C-alpha atoms as a PDB file:
ATOM      1  CA  ASP A   1     106.123 121.489  86.172  1.00  0.00           C
ATOM      2  CA  ALA A   2     104.261 123.914  88.473  1.00  0.00           C
ATOM      3  CA  GLY A   3     102.307 125.421  85.563  1.00  0.00           C
ATOM      4  CA  ARG A   4     100.952 122.012  84.588  1.00  0.00           C
ATOM      5  CA  GLY A   5     100.321 121.329  88.289  1.00  0.00           C
ATOM      6  CA  LYS A   6      98.166 124.434  88.611  1.00  0.00           C
ATOM      7  CA  GLN A   7      96.140 123.365  85.572  1.00  0.00           C
ATOM      8  CA  ALA A   8      95.762 119.798  86.851  1.00  0.00           C
ATOM      9  CA  PHE A   9      94.752 121.068  90.303  1.00  0.00           C
ATOM     10  CA  SER A  10      91.832 122.837  88.619  1.00  0.00           C
ATOM     11  CA  GLU A  11      90.957 120.205  86.006  1.00  0.00           C
ATOM     12  CA  LYS A  12      90.976 117.361  88.549  1.00  0.00           C
ATOM     13  CA  HIS A  13      88.485 119.356  90.685  1.00  0.00           C
ATOM     14  CA  CYS A  14      90.845 119.748  93.652  1.00  0.00           C
ATOM     15  CA  ALA A  15      90.112 123.483  93.641  1.00  0.00           C
ATOM     16  CA  ASP A  16      86.344 122.873  93.844  1.00  0.00           C
ATOM     17  CA  CYS A  17      86.680 122.241  97.597  1.00  0.00           C
ATOM     18  CA  HIS A  18      90.267 123.093  98.502  1.00  0.00           C
ATOM     19  CA  GLY A  19      90.977 126.786  98.255  1.00  0.00           C
ATOM     20  CA  LEU A  20      94.543 127.978  98.300  1.00  0.00           C
ATOM     21  CA  ARG A  21      94.127 129.947 101.533  1.00  0.00           C
ATOM     22  CA  GLN A  22      90.465 129.359 102.348  1.00  0.00           C
ATOM     23  CA  SER A  23      88.230 126.419 101.473  1.00  0.00           C
ATOM     24  CA  THR A  24      84.571 126.271 100.552  1.00  0.00           C
ATOM     25  CA  ASP A  25      84.111 122.996 102.450  1.00  0.00           C
ATOM     26  CA  PRO A  26      84.753 122.877 106.235  1.00  0.00           C
ATOM     27  CA  VAL A  27      86.353 119.405 106.019  1.00  0.00           C
ATOM     28  CA  ALA A  28      88.621 120.374 103.104  1.00  0.00           C
ATOM     29  CA  LYS A  29      91.760 122.074 104.381  1.00  0.00           C
ATOM     30  CA  PRO A  30      93.118 124.967 102.349  1.00  0.00           C
ATOM     31  CA  VAL A  31      96.285 124.084 100.500  1.00  0.00           C
ATOM     32  CA  ILE A  32      98.609 126.265 102.592  1.00  0.00           C
ATOM     33  CA  GLU A  33      97.671 124.129 105.633  1.00  0.00           C
ATOM     34  CA  TRP A  34      98.493 120.788 104.008  1.00  0.00           C
ATOM     35  CA  GLN A  35     101.097 118.831 105.970  1.00  0.00           C
ATOM     36  CA  SER A  36     101.450 116.095 103.368  1.00  0.00           C
ATOM     37  CA  THR A  37     103.593 117.765 100.724  1.00  0.00           C
ATOM     38  CA  GLY A  38     106.911 116.197 101.708  1.00  0.00           C
ATOM     39  CA  SER A  39     106.634 113.527  99.022  1.00  0.00           C
ATOM     40  CA  SER A  40     104.264 112.103  96.428  1.00  0.00           C
ATOM     41  CA  VAL A  41     103.609 109.058  98.636  1.00  0.00           C
ATOM     42  CA  ALA A  42     102.734 111.285 101.606  1.00  0.00           C
ATOM     43  CA  LEU A  43     100.301 113.275  99.474  1.00  0.00           C
ATOM     44  CA  VAL A  44      98.612 110.128  98.144  1.00  0.00           C
ATOM     45  CA  ASN A  45      98.346 108.847 101.716  1.00  0.00           C
ATOM     46  CA  ALA A  46      96.486 111.983 102.788  1.00  0.00           C
ATOM     47  CA  MET A  47      94.230 111.746  99.737  1.00  0.00           C
ATOM     48  CA  TRP A  48      93.576 108.045 100.418  1.00  0.00           C
ATOM     49  CA  ASN A  49      92.454 108.657 104.001  1.00  0.00           C
ATOM     50  CA  HIS A  50      90.394 111.655 102.877  1.00  0.00           C
ATOM     51  CA  ALA A  51      88.474 109.599 100.302  1.00  0.00           C
ATOM     52  CA  SER A  52      85.608 108.617 102.642  1.00  0.00           C
ATOM     53  CA  SER A  53      84.520 112.267 102.827  1.00  0.00           C
ATOM     54  CA  MET A  54      85.427 113.016  99.202  1.00  0.00           C
ATOM     55  CA  ARG A  55      83.185 110.298  97.767  1.00  0.00           C
ATOM     56  CA  PRO A  56      79.847 111.742  98.946  1.00  0.00           C
ATOM     57  CA  GLU A  57      80.993 115.260  98.044  1.00  0.00           C
ATOM     58  CA  PHE A  58      81.840 114.201  94.488  1.00  0.00           C
ATOM     59  CA  ALA A  59      78.472 112.434  94.275  1.00  0.00           C
ATOM     60  CA  ARG A  60      76.635 115.506  95.561  1.00  0.00           C
ATOM     61  CA  ARG A  61      78.351 117.724  93.016  1.00  0.00           C
ATOM     62  CA  LYS A  62      77.915 115.045  90.287  1.00  0.00           C
ATOM     63  CA  ILE A  63      81.661 114.944  89.646  1.00  0.00           C
ATOM     64  CA  SER A  64      83.315 111.724  88.508  1.00  0.00           C
ATOM     65  CA  TRP A  65      86.278 110.432  90.479  1.00  0.00           C
ATOM     66  CA  PRO A  66      89.372 112.288  89.168  1.00  0.00           C
ATOM     67  CA  GLU A  67      91.961 109.796  87.946  1.00  0.00           C
ATOM     68  CA  LEU A  68      95.592 110.879  88.104  1.00  0.00           C
ATOM     69  CA  SER A  69      98.778 109.923  86.315  1.00  0.00           C
ATOM     70  CA  ALA A  70     102.153 109.878  88.029  1.00  0.00           C
ATOM     71  CA  GLN A  71     103.015 113.019  86.064  1.00  0.00           C
ATOM     72  CA  ASP A  72      99.823 114.747  87.300  1.00  0.00           C
ATOM     73  CA  LEU A  73     100.766 113.969  90.880  1.00  0.00           C
ATOM     74  CA  ALA A  74     104.354 115.184  90.472  1.00  0.00           C
ATOM     75  CA  ASP A  75     103.156 118.418  88.846  1.00  0.00           C
ATOM     76  CA  ILE A  76     100.467 119.074  91.479  1.00  0.00           C
ATOM     77  CA  LEU A  77     102.961 118.400  94.263  1.00  0.00           C
ATOM     78  CA  LEU A  78     105.422 120.917  92.820  1.00  0.00           C
ATOM     79  CA  TYR A  79     102.637 123.494  92.397  1.00  0.00           C
ATOM     80  CA  VAL A  80     101.319 123.286  95.970  1.00  0.00           C
ATOM     81  CA  ARG A  81     104.811 123.199  97.478  1.00  0.00           C
ATOM     82  CA  ASN A  82     105.662 126.509  95.852  1.00  0.00           C
ATOM     83  CA  LEU A  83     102.556 128.470  96.799  1.00  0.00           C
ATOM     84  CA  PRO A  84     103.454 131.630  98.759  1.00  0.00           C
ATOM     85  CA  GLY A  85     102.814 131.143 102.475  1.00  0.00           C
ATOM     86  CA  SER A  86     102.564 127.366 102.321  1.00  0.00           C
ATOM     87  CA  VAL A  87     104.104 125.412 105.190  1.00  0.00           C
ATOM     88  CA  HIS A  88     105.471 122.029 104.304  1.00  0.00           C
ATOM     89  CA  PRO A  89     108.127 119.553 105.451  1.00  0.00           C
ATOM     90  CA  PRO A  90     111.412 119.244 103.554  1.00  0.00           C
ATOM     91  CA  GLU A  91     111.212 117.277 100.315  1.00  0.00           C
ATOM     92  CA  ALA A  92     112.113 113.663 100.939  1.00  0.00           C
ATOM     93  CA  LEU A  93     111.522 110.246  99.456  1.00  0.00           C
ATOM     94  CA  VAL A  94     111.451 107.871 102.407  1.00  0.00           C
ATOM     95  CA  LEU A  95     111.179 104.206 101.507  1.00  0.00           C
ATOM     96  CA  GLY A  96     109.423 102.113 104.105  1.00  0.00           C
ATOM     97  CA  SER A  97     110.606  98.600 104.763  1.00  0.00           C
ATOM     98  CA  SER A  98     108.694  96.160 102.580  1.00  0.00           C
ATOM     99  CA  GLU A  99     109.152  93.408 105.194  1.00  0.00           C
ATOM    100  CA  ASN A 100     105.834  94.298 106.843  1.00  0.00           C
ATOM    101  CA  GLY A 101     104.107  94.970 103.518  1.00  0.00           C
ATOM    102  CA  SER A 102     102.878  91.419 103.043  1.00  0.00           C
ATOM    103  CA  ALA A 103     101.255  91.350 106.480  1.00  0.00           C
ATOM    104  CA  LEU A 104      99.694  94.774 105.880  1.00  0.00           C
ATOM    105  CA  PHE A 105      98.378  93.576 102.513  1.00  0.00           C
ATOM    106  CA  ASP A 106      96.445  90.885 104.387  1.00  0.00           C
ATOM    107  CA  SER A 107      95.433  92.855 107.501  1.00  0.00           C
ATOM    108  CA  LYS A 108      94.032  95.746 105.445  1.00  0.00           C
ATOM    109  CA  GLY A 109      91.879  93.326 103.430  1.00  0.00           C
ATOM    110  CA  CYS A 110      93.703  93.676 100.101  1.00  0.00           C
ATOM    111  CA  ASP A 111      94.065  89.893  99.893  1.00  0.00           C
ATOM    112  CA  ALA A 112      90.284  89.503  99.707  1.00  0.00           C
ATOM    113  CA  CYS A 113      90.427  90.589  96.050  1.00  0.00           C
ATOM    114  CA  HIS A 114      94.115  90.572  95.117  1.00  0.00           C
ATOM    115  CA  SER A 115      96.572  87.698  95.371  1.00  0.00           C
ATOM    116  CA  HIS A 116     100.223  87.969  96.374  1.00  0.00           C
ATOM    117  CA  SER A 117     101.321  85.704  93.554  1.00  0.00           C
ATOM    118  CA  GLY A 118     100.018  83.530  90.744  1.00  0.00           C
ATOM    119  CA  LYS A 119      97.362  84.414  88.186  1.00  0.00           C
ATOM    120  CA  GLY A 120      95.948  87.898  88.703  1.00  0.00           C
ATOM    121  CA  ALA A 121      98.689  88.909  91.154  1.00  0.00           C
ATOM    122  CA  LEU A 122      99.311  92.630  91.471  1.00  0.00           C
ATOM    123  CA  SER A 123     103.017  92.066  90.848  1.00  0.00           C
ATOM    124  CA  ALA A 124     102.279  91.259  87.200  1.00  0.00           C
ATOM    125  CA  GLN A 125     100.070  94.335  86.777  1.00  0.00           C
ATOM    126  CA  LEU A 126     102.626  96.647  88.362  1.00  0.00           C
ATOM    127  CA  ARG A 127     105.665  95.400  86.444  1.00  0.00           C
ATOM    128  CA  GLY A 128     107.796  98.262  85.168  1.00  0.00           C
ATOM    129  CA  GLN A 129     106.063 100.915  87.295  1.00  0.00           C
ATOM    130  CA  THR A 130     107.684 103.402  89.643  1.00  0.00           C
ATOM    131  CA  LEU A 131     106.862 103.840  93.313  1.00  0.00           C
ATOM    132  CA  VAL A 132     104.786 106.930  92.481  1.00  0.00           C
ATOM    133  CA  ASP A 133     102.962 104.978  89.753  1.00  0.00           C
ATOM    134  CA  VAL A 134     101.947 102.428  92.403  1.00  0.00           C
ATOM    135  CA  ALA A 135     100.710 105.147  94.755  1.00  0.00           C
ATOM    136  CA  VAL A 136      98.676 106.763  91.967  1.00  0.00           C
ATOM    137  CA  ASP A 137      97.225 103.382  90.961  1.00  0.00           C
ATOM    138  CA  MET A 138      95.981 102.982  94.542  1.00  0.00           C
ATOM    139  CA  TRP A 139      94.240 106.345  94.309  1.00  0.00           C
ATOM    140  CA  ASN A 140      92.654 105.580  90.934  1.00  0.00           C
ATOM    141  CA  HIS A 141      91.498 102.197  92.224  1.00  0.00           C
ATOM    142  CA  GLU A 142      89.725 103.617  95.269  1.00  0.00           C
ATOM    143  CA  PRO A 143      86.219 104.162  93.813  1.00  0.00           C
ATOM    144  CA  ARG A 144      86.179 100.596  92.486  1.00  0.00           C
ATOM    145  CA  MET A 145      86.857  99.024  95.864  1.00  0.00           C
ATOM    146  CA  ALA A 146      83.938  96.930  97.079  1.00  0.00           C
ATOM    147  CA  LYS A 147      84.774  97.166 100.775  1.00  0.00           C
ATOM    148  CA  GLU A 148      85.182 100.112 103.088  1.00  0.00           C
ATOM    149  CA  ILE A 149      88.472 101.861 102.459  1.00  0.00           C
ATOM    150  CA  PRO A 150      91.016 100.998 105.170  1.00  0.00           C
ATOM    151  CA  THR A 151      92.785 103.910 106.832  1.00  0.00           C
ATOM    152  CA  LEU A 152      96.550 103.917 106.387  1.00  0.00           C
ATOM    153  CA  SER A 153      99.179 105.744 108.386  1.00  0.00           C
ATOM    154  CA  LEU A 154     101.990 107.343 106.392  1.00  0.00           C
ATOM    155  CA  GLU A 155     104.386 104.588 107.479  1.00  0.00           C
ATOM    156  CA  GLU A 156     101.846 101.933 106.451  1.00  0.00           C
ATOM    157  CA  MET A 157     101.413 103.592 103.058  1.00  0.00           C
ATOM    158  CA  ARG A 158     105.177 103.593 102.591  1.00  0.00           C
ATOM    159  CA  GLU A 159     105.463  99.953 103.580  1.00  0.00           C
ATOM    160  CA  LEU A 160     102.512  98.858 101.436  1.00  0.00           C
ATOM    161  CA  THR A 161     103.560 100.739  98.305  1.00  0.00           C
ATOM    162  CA  GLY A 162     107.172  99.635  98.838  1.00  0.00           C
ATOM    163  CA  TYR A 163     106.058  96.012  99.114  1.00  0.00           C
ATOM    164  CA  LEU A 164     103.891  96.192  95.979  1.00  0.00           C
ATOM    165  CA  TRP A 165     106.583  97.998  94.005  1.00  0.00           C
ATOM    166  CA  ALA A 166     109.285  95.516  95.025  1.00  0.00           C
ATOM    167  CA  GLN A 167     107.239  92.514  93.882  1.00  0.00           C
ATOM    168  CA  GLN A 168     108.167  93.166  90.254  1.00  0.00           C
ATOM    169  CA  PHE A 169     111.760  92.295  91.175  1.00  0.00           C
ATOM    170  CA  PHE A 170     111.113  89.452  93.611  1.00  0.00           C
ATOM    171  CA  VAL A 171     108.177  87.592  92.074  1.00  0.00           C
ATOM    172  CA  ASP A 172     109.211  85.212  89.320  1.00  0.00           C
ATOM    173  CA  SER A 173     107.441  85.321  85.950  1.00  0.00           C
ATOM    174  CA  GLY A 174     109.685  83.026  83.947  1.00  0.00           C
ATOM    175  CA  SER A 175     109.222  79.555  82.485  1.00  0.00           C
ATOM    176  CA  ALA A 176     110.784  76.678  84.430  1.00  0.00           C
ATOM    177  CA  THR A 177     110.752  74.507  81.298  1.00  0.00           C
ATOM    178  CA  ALA A 178     112.673  77.118  79.311  1.00  0.00           C
ATOM    179  CA  GLY A 179     114.948  77.641  82.320  1.00  0.00           C
ATOM    180  CA  LYS A 180     115.928  73.982  82.317  1.00  0.00           C
ATOM    181  CA  ARG A 181     117.077  74.387  78.705  1.00  0.00           C
ATOM    182  CA  VAL A 182     119.096  77.472  79.700  1.00  0.00           C
ATOM    183  CA  PHE A 183     120.681  75.510  82.567  1.00  0.00           C
ATOM    184  CA  SER A 184     121.815  72.931  80.033  1.00  0.00           C
ATOM    185  CA  ALA A 185     122.794  75.295  77.201  1.00  0.00           C
ATOM    186  CA  LYS A 186     124.917  77.516  79.446  1.00  0.00           C
ATOM    187  CA  ARG A 187     126.635  74.392  80.808  1.00  0.00           C
ATOM    188  CA  CYS A 188     125.810  75.162  84.419  1.00  0.00           C
ATOM    189  CA  ALA A 189     125.737  71.412  85.050  1.00  0.00           C
ATOM    190  CA  ALA A 190     129.417  71.094  84.112  1.00  0.00           C
ATOM    191  CA  CYS A 191     130.263  72.275  87.621  1.00  0.00           C
ATOM    192  CA  HIS A 192     127.019  72.093  89.574  1.00  0.00           C
ATOM    193  CA  ASP A 193     126.454  68.427  88.687  1.00  0.00           C
ATOM    194  CA  ASP A 194     130.128  67.580  89.170  1.00  0.00           C
ATOM    195  CA  ALA A 195     130.802  66.625  92.800  1.00  0.00           C
ATOM    196  CA  SER A 196     134.557  67.020  92.297  1.00  0.00           C
ATOM    197  CA  SER A 197     134.216  70.729  91.459  1.00  0.00           C
ATOM    198  CA  GLY A 198     132.927  71.608  94.922  1.00  0.00           C
ATOM    199  CA  ALA A 199     130.013  73.542  93.395  1.00  0.00           C
ATOM    200  CA  PRO A 200     126.621  72.967  95.058  1.00  0.00           C
ATOM    201  CA  LYS A 201     123.856  71.171  93.150  1.00  0.00           C
ATOM    202  CA  LEU A 202     121.604  74.104  92.282  1.00  0.00           C
ATOM    203  CA  GLU A 203     118.424  72.048  91.942  1.00  0.00           C
ATOM    204  CA  THR A 204     118.599  71.178  95.643  1.00  0.00           C
ATOM    205  CA  THR A 205     120.058  74.422  97.059  1.00  0.00           C
ATOM    206  CA  ARG A 206     117.557  76.413  99.118  1.00  0.00           C
ATOM    207  CA  GLN A 207     119.854  78.427 101.367  1.00  0.00           C
ATOM    208  CA  THR A 208     119.211  81.574  99.311  1.00  0.00           C
ATOM    209  CA  PRO A 209     115.838  82.384  97.738  1.00  0.00           C
ATOM    210  CA  PHE A 210     116.143  82.412  93.967  1.00  0.00           C
ATOM    211  CA  THR A 211     115.189  85.988  93.076  1.00  0.00           C
ATOM    212  CA  ALA A 212     116.815  88.479  90.724  1.00  0.00           C
ATOM    213  CA  PRO A 213     118.540  90.464  93.543  1.00  0.00           C
ATOM    214  CA  ALA A 214     119.719  87.247  95.223  1.00  0.00           C
ATOM    215  CA  MET A 215     121.160  85.980  91.928  1.00  0.00           C
ATOM    216  CA  VAL A 216     123.047  89.243  91.393  1.00  0.00           C
ATOM    217  CA  SER A 217     124.570  88.909  94.850  1.00  0.00           C
ATOM    218  CA  VAL A 218     125.441  85.213  94.543  1.00  0.00           C
ATOM    219  CA  LEU A 219     126.900  85.471  91.042  1.00  0.00           C
ATOM    220  CA  TRP A 220     128.914  88.568  91.942  1.00  0.00           C
ATOM    221  CA  ARG A 221     130.520  86.888  94.970  1.00  0.00           C
ATOM    222  CA  HIS A 222     130.867  83.575  93.145  1.00  0.00           C
ATOM    223  CA  GLY A 223     132.398  85.051  89.983  1.00  0.00           C
ATOM    224  CA  PRO A 224     136.149  84.605  90.610  1.00  0.00           C
ATOM    225  CA  GLN A 225     135.688  80.968  91.695  1.00  0.00           C
ATOM    226  CA  MET A 226     133.465  80.303  88.669  1.00  0.00           C
ATOM    227  CA  MET A 227     136.034  81.806  86.332  1.00  0.00           C
ATOM    228  CA  GLU A 228     138.772  79.494  87.609  1.00  0.00           C
ATOM    229  CA  GLN A 229     136.549  76.420  87.291  1.00  0.00           C
ATOM    230  CA  MET A 230     135.469  77.344  83.764  1.00  0.00           C
ATOM    231  CA  LYS A 231     139.018  78.034  82.624  1.00  0.00           C
ATOM    232  CA  SER A 232     140.119  74.643  83.923  1.00  0.00           C
ATOM    233  CA  LYS A 233     137.288  72.964  82.011  1.00  0.00           C
ATOM    234  CA  GLY A 234     137.765  75.036  78.830  1.00  0.00           C
ATOM    235  CA  ILE A 235     134.249  76.516  79.076  1.00  0.00           C
ATOM    236  CA  PRO A 236     133.670  80.108  77.860  1.00  0.00           C
ATOM    237  CA  TRP A 237     132.033  82.554  80.279  1.00  0.00           C
ATOM    238  CA  PRO A 238     128.256  82.322  79.706  1.00  0.00           C
ATOM    239  CA  ARG A 239     126.245  85.409  78.823  1.00  0.00           C
ATOM    240  CA  PHE A 240     122.524  85.781  79.544  1.00  0.00           C
ATOM    241  CA  ASP A 241     119.801  88.069  78.336  1.00  0.00           C
ATOM    242  CA  GLY A 242     117.008  89.115  80.709  1.00  0.00           C
ATOM    243  CA  ALA A 243     114.550  86.449  79.554  1.00  0.00           C
ATOM    244  CA  GLN A 244     117.125  83.673  79.951  1.00  0.00           C
ATOM    245  CA  MET A 245     117.953  84.718  83.517  1.00  0.00           C
ATOM    246  CA  THR A 246     114.265  85.033  84.392  1.00  0.00           C
ATOM    247  CA  ASN A 247     113.636  81.528  83.076  1.00  0.00           C
ATOM    248  CA  LEU A 248     116.705  80.152  84.853  1.00  0.00           C
ATOM    249  CA  ILE A 249     115.513  81.605  88.164  1.00  0.00           C
ATOM    250  CA  ALA A 250     112.093  80.007  87.591  1.00  0.00           C
ATOM    251  CA  PHE A 251     113.749  76.633  86.982  1.00  0.00           C
ATOM    252  CA  LEU A 252     115.965  76.889  90.065  1.00  0.00           C
END
């Protein structure tokens, strides 16, 4: 909502330095000159790289670091995009490949404080969040960073946020012990421990990483063959809830 965005732009102290057409600070571009309004991630990227000059200015003015919500960011973005005379790229959500995200996570020094997996991993903290939530969390986290803030290109920001966001789907959080019980209760072993069925032994299969997306793909392609095997053995089609599948993946 542009009306909320205008209010947030003022309340979050953006307007203290960034004028709409002229700015009071020589290093703070007026809003109509912003080139980062194509997406929420692009705007956060510009804010992230601008933080090194914003920190001392906030300190000089005795202003606390303005924390944002994803809704704040969406509202502010809509407000600045619709200012008369503003020049901005077309609206677009461009997802960067998360393949390079892990390497960026390390090269930018994130791994010095945050782990990729295990206890304290960011994937657990970010579970259930949107891509914009992740970008906003990075902004809110900035003043608490012990090291110098690494500069990120827009493509790097896309890749890093995409990698962090995707971890909630690819990093397992289930119980292997409970998953073993699911494996037994759903009678997976009736085929996968039966050499005559032609089904692979799942405990030793490593051709496909056991993640939620991989399981969707494998089960979808494997479904017709499974149905025939189960009919021949008189086994009803098994149904899973989310926790059971999470635990089964952990066990596998």
